[in-house]
Amino acid sequence: MKYLVVLFCMFYMMPVLAQGQSPKGAQAIYLFKHVRDTANPGQVYEENLLLQFTANTSLYRSYAKYYDDSLFNDQMTKAKAGLPVSVSTEPVRVKKSTIEQLMYQFDAGKFYFIHPWIGETLVIENAIDKIDWKLEDSSISIGGLTCYKASGYFKGRTYDVWYCPDYPVKAGPWKLNGLPGLIVEAIDRTGTVSFSLRSIYRNNSFTPGLPASHTKITKAKFNTLIEDLRQNPGGYINAAMNGSAAPGGTNAAISVNTNPSAKAKPRNTLNNPLELSE
C-alpha cells in the first residue's frame, strides 16, 4: 500500500501510545475512495478527510477545507497585527470537497451534523448509531501499528475494518466508530467504498466543540431547506440574503425567481450512494 511509507514516517516521529493510555489530542488524515456510479467503475471519487479526536470526542471534516481555513486565519491574524501577508497571483483551482462536518461526543451518546448554510451554520443533533461489530482473531501490522479485524453492517453496507487498540478511542472515519481502538482502515465488501489512514500525529491544541455561532434544526427541517434550494435556487438565495428563508430568519414569504436558468437542474445519476437504503 502506497500510504504505508507515509505512515511509517509519521509514526517514527511520534511514539505510539501505550496500551490503555488515552491521547490528549491527535489528528489523522484518511484517504476516502468512493465509486459513486457502478456503471462507471473507473471513475472513483477521492478526497482526504481529517479526523481530530480526544479520548471522548471526535471531529471529522474535509482536510482541504481545514487547510484553506487555517491559511486564511493565519493571513487575517497577520493583517490585524500589521504584518505583511502573502498574496498569490496564481489562478486558484477550486476542488470539490465535503462541506459538512461530523462531531461525536461518545460519553453523551450524541453526534452532531454540522452544515454551512447561507450566512450561518446549521447543526442537527442525533443519537449515535450503534454498529454491531463482530470482532475477529486476525491481526496485521499497518505502518507499524498492530491492528485487529472486525466486521459490521452499517447503512446498507458490510464493512471489514482494521482497528488499533494502541489508540484506545472509539473514533473512526465518517460514521464508523464504536470499536475498542481507532479505526485505521475500512472497506465495504463491494469494494466501492474505502477509508485508509494516511498519517497521524499529536494535536494537543485541538479543542472539540460546536461552532460558536450556530442554529440547531431538525433533520426534517434541513431536508426541506435542501429541497427548497434545489427547486428554486435563485429565489431561495434571494430570500435568504434578505433574512426570510434562513432558519433563523423572519419566515417571510420567499420571493420566487422565475428565470428558467435559476430553476432546478436534473441531478447527476449516482446509483451507489454512500448510505444505501436499509
C-alpha atoms as a PDB file:
ATOM      1  CA  MET A   1       0.000   0.000   0.000  1.00  0.00           C
ATOM      2  CA  LYS A   2       1.381   3.384  -1.045  1.00  0.00           C
ATOM      3  CA  TYR A   3       0.356   5.163   2.136  1.00  0.00           C
ATOM      4  CA  LEU A   4       2.429   2.818   4.323  1.00  0.00           C
ATOM      5  CA  VAL A   5       5.555   4.887   3.666  1.00  0.00           C
ATOM      6  CA  VAL A   6       3.754   7.988   4.910  1.00  0.00           C
ATOM      7  CA  LEU A   7       2.510   6.137   7.961  1.00  0.00           C
ATOM      8  CA  PHE A   8       5.976   4.824   8.777  1.00  0.00           C
ATOM      9  CA  CYS A   9       7.482   8.319   8.644  1.00  0.00           C
ATOM     10  CA  MET A  10       4.744   9.808  10.793  1.00  0.00           C
ATOM     11  CA  PHE A  11       4.972   7.154  13.467  1.00  0.00           C
ATOM     12  CA  TYR A  12       8.753   7.337  13.521  1.00  0.00           C
ATOM     13  CA  MET A  13       8.350  10.952  14.643  1.00  0.00           C
ATOM     14  CA  MET A  14       5.589  10.210  17.152  1.00  0.00           C
ATOM     15  CA  PRO A  15       5.880   7.408  19.732  1.00  0.00           C
ATOM     16  CA  VAL A  16       2.925   5.057  19.725  1.00  0.00           C
ATOM     17  CA  LEU A  17       0.794   5.377  22.827  1.00  0.00           C
ATOM     18  CA  ALA A  18       0.991   2.617  25.370  1.00  0.00           C
ATOM     19  CA  GLN A  19      -1.922   0.231  25.669  1.00  0.00           C
ATOM     20  CA  GLY A  20      -4.738   1.872  27.616  1.00  0.00           C
ATOM     21  CA  GLN A  21      -3.204   5.354  27.512  1.00  0.00           C
ATOM     22  CA  SER A  22      -5.669   7.972  26.260  1.00  0.00           C
ATOM     23  CA  PRO A  23      -4.285  10.713  23.999  1.00  0.00           C
ATOM     24  CA  LYS A  24      -4.899  14.340  24.941  1.00  0.00           C
ATOM     25  CA  GLY A  25      -5.452  15.046  21.282  1.00  0.00           C
ATOM     26  CA  ALA A  26      -4.463  13.744  17.873  1.00  0.00           C
ATOM     27  CA  GLN A  27      -5.449  14.055  14.270  1.00  0.00           C
ATOM     28  CA  ALA A  28      -5.460  11.575  11.442  1.00  0.00           C
ATOM     29  CA  ILE A  29      -5.822  12.004   7.699  1.00  0.00           C
ATOM     30  CA  TYR A  30      -7.742   9.366   5.733  1.00  0.00           C
ATOM     31  CA  LEU A  31      -7.967   8.795   2.009  1.00  0.00           C
ATOM     32  CA  PHE A  32     -11.634   8.294   1.148  1.00  0.00           C
ATOM     33  CA  LYS A  33     -12.488   6.480  -2.095  1.00  0.00           C
ATOM     34  CA  HIS A  34     -15.986   6.009  -3.469  1.00  0.00           C
ATOM     35  CA  VAL A  35     -17.273   4.580  -6.748  1.00  0.00           C
ATOM     36  CA  ARG A  36     -20.463   6.614  -6.942  1.00  0.00           C
ATOM     37  CA  ASP A  37     -21.727   5.105 -10.173  1.00  0.00           C
ATOM     38  CA  THR A  38     -21.144   1.382 -10.657  1.00  0.00           C
ATOM     39  CA  ALA A  39     -21.814   1.824 -14.381  1.00  0.00           C
ATOM     40  CA  ASN A  40     -18.515   3.754 -14.457  1.00  0.00           C
ATOM     41  CA  PRO A  41     -16.266   1.862 -12.005  1.00  0.00           C
ATOM     42  CA  GLY A  42     -13.162   3.603 -13.324  1.00  0.00           C
ATOM     43  CA  GLN A  43     -14.396   6.961 -12.081  1.00  0.00           C
ATOM     44  CA  VAL A  44     -13.510   6.971  -8.386  1.00  0.00           C
ATOM     45  CA  TYR A  45     -14.155   9.973  -6.179  1.00  0.00           C
ATOM     46  CA  GLU A  46     -11.179  10.583  -3.871  1.00  0.00           C
ATOM     47  CA  GLU A  47     -10.746  13.028  -1.018  1.00  0.00           C
ATOM     48  CA  ASN A  48      -8.536  13.451   2.034  1.00  0.00           C
ATOM     49  CA  LEU A  49     -10.598  13.710   5.212  1.00  0.00           C
ATOM     50  CA  LEU A  50      -9.373  14.873   8.607  1.00  0.00           C
ATOM     51  CA  LEU A  51     -10.306  13.189  11.890  1.00  0.00           C
ATOM     52  CA  GLN A  52      -9.377  15.134  15.024  1.00  0.00           C
ATOM     53  CA  PHE A  53     -10.023  13.326  18.279  1.00  0.00           C
ATOM     54  CA  THR A  54      -9.560  13.157  22.018  1.00  0.00           C
ATOM     55  CA  ALA A  55     -10.458  10.291  24.346  1.00  0.00           C
ATOM     56  CA  ASN A  56     -14.202  11.025  24.172  1.00  0.00           C
ATOM     57  CA  THR A  57     -14.742  13.375  21.225  1.00  0.00           C
ATOM     58  CA  SER A  58     -14.030  13.422  17.511  1.00  0.00           C
ATOM     59  CA  LEU A  59     -14.499  15.842  14.617  1.00  0.00           C
ATOM     60  CA  TYR A  60     -14.497  14.641  11.007  1.00  0.00           C
ATOM     61  CA  ARG A  61     -14.207  17.083   8.105  1.00  0.00           C
ATOM     62  CA  SER A  62     -12.542  17.914   4.799  1.00  0.00           C
ATOM     63  CA  TYR A  63      -8.776  18.232   5.123  1.00  0.00           C
ATOM     64  CA  ALA A  64      -8.615  20.654   2.173  1.00  0.00           C
ATOM     65  CA  LYS A  65     -11.217  22.911   3.797  1.00  0.00           C
ATOM     66  CA  TYR A  66      -9.397  22.747   7.136  1.00  0.00           C
ATOM     67  CA  TYR A  67      -6.086  23.594   5.451  1.00  0.00           C
ATOM     68  CA  ASP A  68      -7.549  26.511   3.482  1.00  0.00           C
ATOM     69  CA  ASP A  69      -9.282  27.885   6.578  1.00  0.00           C
ATOM     70  CA  SER A  70      -6.021  27.635   8.540  1.00  0.00           C
ATOM     71  CA  LEU A  71      -4.157  29.620   5.873  1.00  0.00           C
ATOM     72  CA  PHE A  72      -6.908  32.235   5.738  1.00  0.00           C
ATOM     73  CA  ASN A  73      -6.996  32.631   9.516  1.00  0.00           C
ATOM     74  CA  ASP A  74      -3.213  32.942   9.592  1.00  0.00           C
ATOM     75  CA  GLN A  75      -3.316  35.706   6.976  1.00  0.00           C
ATOM     76  CA  MET A  76      -6.079  37.527   8.883  1.00  0.00           C
ATOM     77  CA  THR A  77      -4.079  37.335  12.118  1.00  0.00           C
ATOM     78  CA  LYS A  78      -1.026  38.790  10.381  1.00  0.00           C
ATOM     79  CA  ALA A  79      -3.095  41.544   8.780  1.00  0.00           C
ATOM     80  CA  LYS A  80      -4.637  42.563  12.113  1.00  0.00           C
ATOM     81  CA  ALA A  81      -1.152  42.684  13.641  1.00  0.00           C
ATOM     82  CA  GLY A  82       0.088  44.890  10.809  1.00  0.00           C
ATOM     83  CA  LEU A  83       2.400  42.195   9.485  1.00  0.00           C
ATOM     84  CA  PRO A  84       2.907  41.595   5.752  1.00  0.00           C
ATOM     85  CA  VAL A  85       0.665  38.986   4.176  1.00  0.00           C
ATOM     86  CA  SER A  86       1.444  36.849   1.159  1.00  0.00           C
ATOM     87  CA  VAL A  87      -0.587  37.437  -1.989  1.00  0.00           C
ATOM     88  CA  SER A  88      -0.554  34.860  -4.764  1.00  0.00           C
ATOM     89  CA  THR A  89      -1.094  35.841  -8.401  1.00  0.00           C
ATOM     90  CA  GLU A  90      -1.533  32.230  -9.442  1.00  0.00           C
ATOM     91  CA  PRO A  91      -5.025  31.215 -10.601  1.00  0.00           C
ATOM     92  CA  VAL A  92      -6.999  29.499  -7.876  1.00  0.00           C
ATOM     93  CA  ARG A  93      -8.198  25.984  -8.632  1.00  0.00           C
ATOM     94  CA  VAL A  94     -11.254  25.107  -6.606  1.00  0.00           C
ATOM     95  CA  LYS A  95     -11.641  21.396  -5.945  1.00  0.00           C
ATOM     96  CA  LYS A  96     -14.955  19.996  -4.831  1.00  0.00           C
ATOM     97  CA  SER A  97     -14.787  18.844  -1.234  1.00  0.00           C
ATOM     98  CA  THR A  98     -17.010  17.750   1.620  1.00  0.00           C
ATOM     99  CA  ILE A  99     -18.606  20.779   3.271  1.00  0.00           C
ATOM    100  CA  GLU A 100     -20.329  19.171   6.243  1.00  0.00           C
ATOM    101  CA  GLN A 101     -18.652  18.100   9.473  1.00  0.00           C
ATOM    102  CA  LEU A 102     -19.450  15.315  11.947  1.00  0.00           C
ATOM    103  CA  MET A 103     -18.742  15.799  15.639  1.00  0.00           C
ATOM    104  CA  TYR A 104     -19.097  12.906  18.090  1.00  0.00           C
ATOM    105  CA  GLN A 105     -19.448  13.038  21.864  1.00  0.00           C
ATOM    106  CA  PHE A 106     -19.090   9.385  22.793  1.00  0.00           C
ATOM    107  CA  ASP A 107     -19.751   9.700  26.533  1.00  0.00           C
ATOM    108  CA  ALA A 108     -23.010  11.542  25.847  1.00  0.00           C
ATOM    109  CA  GLY A 109     -24.013   9.141  23.071  1.00  0.00           C
ATOM    110  CA  LYS A 110     -24.550  12.029  20.629  1.00  0.00           C
ATOM    111  CA  PHE A 111     -23.225  13.159  17.294  1.00  0.00           C
ATOM    112  CA  TYR A 112     -23.769  16.447  15.507  1.00  0.00           C
ATOM    113  CA  PHE A 113     -24.156  17.032  11.777  1.00  0.00           C
ATOM    114  CA  ILE A 114     -22.679  20.486  11.076  1.00  0.00           C
ATOM    115  CA  HIS A 115     -23.515  22.124   7.746  1.00  0.00           C
ATOM    116  CA  PRO A 116     -22.667  25.628   6.481  1.00  0.00           C
ATOM    117  CA  TRP A 117     -25.699  27.442   5.159  1.00  0.00           C
ATOM    118  CA  ILE A 118     -26.381  30.842   3.658  1.00  0.00           C
ATOM    119  CA  GLY A 119     -24.921  33.218   6.216  1.00  0.00           C
ATOM    120  CA  GLU A 120     -24.976  30.768   9.123  1.00  0.00           C
ATOM    121  CA  THR A 121     -24.119  27.272  10.337  1.00  0.00           C
ATOM    122  CA  LEU A 122     -26.780  24.616  10.878  1.00  0.00           C
ATOM    123  CA  VAL A 123     -26.454  21.826  13.443  1.00  0.00           C
ATOM    124  CA  ILE A 124     -28.536  18.652  13.693  1.00  0.00           C
ATOM    125  CA  GLU A 125     -28.252  16.662  16.917  1.00  0.00           C
ATOM    126  CA  ASN A 126     -28.536  12.870  16.645  1.00  0.00           C
ATOM    127  CA  ALA A 127     -28.101   9.793  18.795  1.00  0.00           C
ATOM    128  CA  ILE A 128     -25.009   7.794  17.846  1.00  0.00           C
ATOM    129  CA  ASP A 129     -25.856   4.827  15.627  1.00  0.00           C
ATOM    130  CA  LYS A 130     -24.756   1.606  17.275  1.00  0.00           C
ATOM    131  CA  ILE A 131     -22.908  -0.744  14.934  1.00  0.00           C
ATOM    132  CA  ASP A 132     -22.996  -4.414  15.880  1.00  0.00           C
ATOM    133  CA  TRP A 133     -19.314  -5.142  15.303  1.00  0.00           C
ATOM    134  CA  LYS A 134     -18.059  -8.720  15.109  1.00  0.00           C
ATOM    135  CA  LEU A 135     -14.509  -8.889  16.469  1.00  0.00           C
ATOM    136  CA  GLU A 136     -12.228 -11.388  14.733  1.00  0.00           C
ATOM    137  CA  ASP A 137      -8.894 -13.017  15.619  1.00  0.00           C
ATOM    138  CA  SER A 138      -6.992 -11.761  12.558  1.00  0.00           C
ATOM    139  CA  SER A 139      -4.261  -9.168  13.053  1.00  0.00           C
ATOM    140  CA  ILE A 140      -1.846  -7.313  10.766  1.00  0.00           C
ATOM    141  CA  SER A 141       0.701  -4.515  11.019  1.00  0.00           C
ATOM    142  CA  ILE A 142      -0.144  -1.296   9.189  1.00  0.00           C
ATOM    143  CA  GLY A 143       2.561   1.348   9.252  1.00  0.00           C
ATOM    144  CA  GLY A 144       4.000  -0.080  12.459  1.00  0.00           C
ATOM    145  CA  LEU A 145       0.596  -0.302  14.140  1.00  0.00           C
ATOM    146  CA  THR A 146      -0.747  -3.647  15.291  1.00  0.00           C
ATOM    147  CA  CYS A 147      -4.311  -3.766  14.023  1.00  0.00           C
ATOM    148  CA  TYR A 148      -7.143  -6.221  14.575  1.00  0.00           C
ATOM    149  CA  LYS A 149     -10.006  -7.108  12.294  1.00  0.00           C
ATOM    150  CA  ALA A 150     -13.717  -6.507  12.811  1.00  0.00           C
ATOM    151  CA  SER A 151     -16.736  -6.506  10.536  1.00  0.00           C
ATOM    152  CA  GLY A 152     -20.084  -4.798  10.804  1.00  0.00           C
ATOM    153  CA  TYR A 153     -23.198  -3.835   8.861  1.00  0.00           C
ATOM    154  CA  PHE A 154     -23.986  -0.120   8.625  1.00  0.00           C
ATOM    155  CA  LYS A 155     -26.225   1.961   6.347  1.00  0.00           C
ATOM    156  CA  GLY A 156     -26.756  -0.847   3.854  1.00  0.00           C
ATOM    157  CA  ARG A 157     -23.122  -1.951   3.632  1.00  0.00           C
ATOM    158  CA  THR A 158     -20.959  -4.566   5.337  1.00  0.00           C
ATOM    159  CA  TYR A 159     -17.557  -3.164   6.274  1.00  0.00           C
ATOM    160  CA  ASP A 160     -14.358  -5.055   7.035  1.00  0.00           C
ATOM    161  CA  VAL A 161     -12.202  -2.841   9.222  1.00  0.00           C
ATOM    162  CA  TRP A 162      -8.843  -2.829  10.980  1.00  0.00           C
ATOM    163  CA  TYR A 163      -8.608  -1.027  14.301  1.00  0.00           C
ATOM    164  CA  CYS A 164      -5.698  -0.271  16.629  1.00  0.00           C
ATOM    165  CA  PRO A 165      -6.137  -0.731  20.422  1.00  0.00           C
ATOM    166  CA  ASP A 166      -2.906   1.250  20.971  1.00  0.00           C
ATOM    167  CA  TYR A 167      -5.189   4.240  20.384  1.00  0.00           C
ATOM    168  CA  PRO A 168      -7.943   3.347  22.880  1.00  0.00           C
ATOM    169  CA  VAL A 169     -10.621   5.621  21.424  1.00  0.00           C
ATOM    170  CA  LYS A 170     -13.978   4.835  19.825  1.00  0.00           C
ATOM    171  CA  ALA A 171     -13.330   7.161  16.892  1.00  0.00           C
ATOM    172  CA  GLY A 172     -13.061   6.349  13.220  1.00  0.00           C
ATOM    173  CA  PRO A 173     -13.578   7.891   9.786  1.00  0.00           C
ATOM    174  CA  TRP A 174     -17.033   9.124   8.785  1.00  0.00           C
ATOM    175  CA  LYS A 175     -19.745   7.453  10.923  1.00  0.00           C
ATOM    176  CA  LEU A 176     -17.750   4.283  11.550  1.00  0.00           C
ATOM    177  CA  ASN A 177     -16.870   4.057  15.233  1.00  0.00           C
ATOM    178  CA  GLY A 178     -17.511   2.162  18.445  1.00  0.00           C
ATOM    179  CA  LEU A 179     -14.581  -0.264  18.403  1.00  0.00           C
ATOM    180  CA  PRO A 180     -12.012  -0.630  21.232  1.00  0.00           C
ATOM    181  CA  GLY A 181      -9.440   1.315  19.242  1.00  0.00           C
ATOM    182  CA  LEU A 182      -9.013   3.821  16.423  1.00  0.00           C
ATOM    183  CA  ILE A 183     -10.226   2.539  13.053  1.00  0.00           C
ATOM    184  CA  VAL A 184      -7.232   2.532  10.700  1.00  0.00           C
ATOM    185  CA  GLU A 185      -8.861   1.117   7.579  1.00  0.00           C
ATOM    186  CA  ALA A 186     -12.408   0.288   6.463  1.00  0.00           C
ATOM    187  CA  ILE A 187     -13.519  -1.264   3.173  1.00  0.00           C
ATOM    188  CA  ASP A 188     -17.043  -2.294   2.247  1.00  0.00           C
ATOM    189  CA  ARG A 189     -17.442  -5.726   0.734  1.00  0.00           C
ATOM    190  CA  THR A 190     -18.498  -4.414  -2.672  1.00  0.00           C
ATOM    191  CA  GLY A 191     -15.091  -2.744  -2.912  1.00  0.00           C
ATOM    192  CA  THR A 192     -16.679   0.573  -3.872  1.00  0.00           C
ATOM    193  CA  VAL A 193     -16.134   2.451  -0.582  1.00  0.00           C
ATOM    194  CA  SER A 194     -12.943   2.646   1.462  1.00  0.00           C
ATOM    195  CA  PHE A 195     -11.269   4.743   4.155  1.00  0.00           C
ATOM    196  CA  SER A 196      -7.493   4.333   4.601  1.00  0.00           C
ATOM    197  CA  LEU A 197      -5.309   6.053   7.189  1.00  0.00           C
ATOM    198  CA  ARG A 198      -2.526   8.083   5.565  1.00  0.00           C
ATOM    199  CA  SER A 199      -0.944   9.874   8.525  1.00  0.00           C
ATOM    200  CA  ILE A 200      -1.487  10.571  12.212  1.00  0.00           C
ATOM    201  CA  TYR A 201       0.148  12.875  14.738  1.00  0.00           C
ATOM    202  CA  ARG A 202      -0.432  14.563  18.057  1.00  0.00           C
ATOM    203  CA  ASN A 203      -2.518  17.721  18.196  1.00  0.00           C
ATOM    204  CA  ASN A 204      -2.932  18.843  21.784  1.00  0.00           C
ATOM    205  CA  SER A 205      -4.271  22.203  20.599  1.00  0.00           C
ATOM    206  CA  PHE A 206      -7.476  20.577  19.314  1.00  0.00           C
ATOM    207  CA  THR A 207     -10.413  21.732  21.425  1.00  0.00           C
ATOM    208  CA  PRO A 208     -13.627  19.905  20.494  1.00  0.00           C
ATOM    209  CA  GLY A 209     -16.862  21.842  20.392  1.00  0.00           C
ATOM    210  CA  LEU A 210     -19.655  23.161  18.204  1.00  0.00           C
ATOM    211  CA  PRO A 211     -19.192  26.421  16.270  1.00  0.00           C
ATOM    212  CA  ALA A 212     -19.588  29.476  18.496  1.00  0.00           C
ATOM    213  CA  SER A 213     -22.469  30.696  16.339  1.00  0.00           C
ATOM    214  CA  HIS A 214     -24.904  28.087  15.022  1.00  0.00           C
ATOM    215  CA  THR A 215     -28.586  27.266  14.627  1.00  0.00           C
ATOM    216  CA  LYS A 216     -29.959  23.900  15.732  1.00  0.00           C
ATOM    217  CA  ILE A 217     -32.631  22.429  13.475  1.00  0.00           C
ATOM    218  CA  THR A 218     -34.283  19.055  12.921  1.00  0.00           C
ATOM    219  CA  LYS A 219     -33.332  16.683  10.138  1.00  0.00           C
ATOM    220  CA  ALA A 220     -36.806  17.099   8.617  1.00  0.00           C
ATOM    221  CA  LYS A 221     -36.384  20.889   8.514  1.00  0.00           C
ATOM    222  CA  PHE A 222     -32.929  20.541   6.968  1.00  0.00           C
ATOM    223  CA  ASN A 223     -34.268  18.231   4.250  1.00  0.00           C
ATOM    224  CA  THR A 224     -36.978  20.803   3.491  1.00  0.00           C
ATOM    225  CA  LEU A 225     -34.377  23.553   3.160  1.00  0.00           C
ATOM    226  CA  ILE A 226     -32.299  21.439   0.779  1.00  0.00           C
ATOM    227  CA  GLU A 227     -35.337  20.648  -1.379  1.00  0.00           C
ATOM    228  CA  ASP A 228     -36.460  24.300  -1.450  1.00  0.00           C
ATOM    229  CA  LEU A 229     -32.994  25.337  -2.559  1.00  0.00           C
ATOM    230  CA  ARG A 230     -32.883  22.645  -5.222  1.00  0.00           C
ATOM    231  CA  GLN A 231     -36.305  23.523  -6.623  1.00  0.00           C
ATOM    232  CA  ASN A 232     -35.717  27.264  -6.838  1.00  0.00           C
ATOM    233  CA  PRO A 233     -32.095  28.196  -6.102  1.00  0.00           C
ATOM    234  CA  GLY A 234     -32.343  31.785  -7.331  1.00  0.00           C
ATOM    235  CA  GLY A 235     -35.475  32.571  -5.363  1.00  0.00           C
ATOM    236  CA  TYR A 236     -34.261  30.846  -2.225  1.00  0.00           C
ATOM    237  CA  ILE A 237     -30.892  32.584  -2.155  1.00  0.00           C
ATOM    238  CA  ASN A 238     -32.555  35.939  -2.857  1.00  0.00           C
ATOM    239  CA  ALA A 239     -34.880  35.393   0.104  1.00  0.00           C
ATOM    240  CA  ALA A 240     -32.124  34.108   2.370  1.00  0.00           C
ATOM    241  CA  MET A 241     -29.948  37.129   1.679  1.00  0.00           C
ATOM    242  CA  ASN A 242     -32.874  39.263   2.857  1.00  0.00           C
ATOM    243  CA  GLY A 243     -33.249  37.185   6.021  1.00  0.00           C
ATOM    244  CA  SER A 244     -36.518  35.426   5.223  1.00  0.00           C
ATOM    245  CA  ALA A 245     -35.570  31.932   4.070  1.00  0.00           C
ATOM    246  CA  ALA A 246     -32.822  31.064   6.510  1.00  0.00           C
ATOM    247  CA  PRO A 247     -33.762  29.018   9.599  1.00  0.00           C
ATOM    248  CA  GLY A 248     -33.029  31.984  11.844  1.00  0.00           C
ATOM    249  CA  GLY A 249     -34.850  34.473   9.615  1.00  0.00           C
ATOM    250  CA  THR A 250     -38.297  36.038   9.766  1.00  0.00           C
ATOM    251  CA  ASN A 251     -40.008  33.225   7.831  1.00  0.00           C
ATOM    252  CA  ALA A 252     -41.471  35.764   5.418  1.00  0.00           C
ATOM    253  CA  ALA A 253     -42.642  34.585   2.015  1.00  0.00           C
ATOM    254  CA  ILE A 254     -39.836  33.650  -0.348  1.00  0.00           C
ATOM    255  CA  SER A 255     -39.662  35.796  -3.455  1.00  0.00           C
ATOM    256  CA  VAL A 256     -39.695  33.484  -6.457  1.00  0.00           C
ATOM    257  CA  ASN A 257     -37.243  33.998  -9.288  1.00  0.00           C
ATOM    258  CA  THR A 258     -38.981  32.866 -12.471  1.00  0.00           C
ATOM    259  CA  ASN A 259     -35.811  32.937 -14.552  1.00  0.00           C
ATOM    260  CA  PRO A 260     -35.687  29.466 -16.202  1.00  0.00           C
ATOM    261  CA  SER A 261     -31.934  29.282 -15.698  1.00  0.00           C
ATOM    262  CA  ALA A 262     -32.449  29.602 -11.945  1.00  0.00           C
ATOM    263  CA  LYS A 263     -34.739  26.586 -11.675  1.00  0.00           C
ATOM    264  CA  ALA A 264     -33.636  23.186 -10.531  1.00  0.00           C
ATOM    265  CA  LYS A 265     -31.348  21.266 -12.822  1.00  0.00           C
ATOM    266  CA  PRO A 266     -31.538  17.480 -13.151  1.00  0.00           C
ATOM    267  CA  ARG A 267     -29.439  15.704 -10.567  1.00  0.00           C
ATOM    268  CA  ASN A 268     -26.492  13.601 -11.609  1.00  0.00           C
ATOM    269  CA  THR A 269     -27.380   9.940 -11.629  1.00  0.00           C
ATOM    270  CA  LEU A 270     -25.479   8.179  -8.854  1.00  0.00           C
ATOM    271  CA  ASN A 271     -26.600   4.616  -8.312  1.00  0.00           C
ATOM    272  CA  ASN A 272     -24.216   3.903  -5.445  1.00  0.00           C
ATOM    273  CA  PRO A 273     -24.642   6.484  -2.656  1.00  0.00           C
ATOM    274  CA  LEU A 274     -22.522   6.176   0.464  1.00  0.00           C
ATOM    275  CA  GLU A 275     -25.588   5.375   2.546  1.00  0.00           C
ATOM    276  CA  LEU A 276     -27.815   2.718   0.998  1.00  0.00           C
ATOM    277  CA  SER A 277     -31.412   2.055   1.958  1.00  0.00           C
ATOM    278  CA  GLU A 278     -31.644  -0.491   4.747  1.00  0.00           C
END
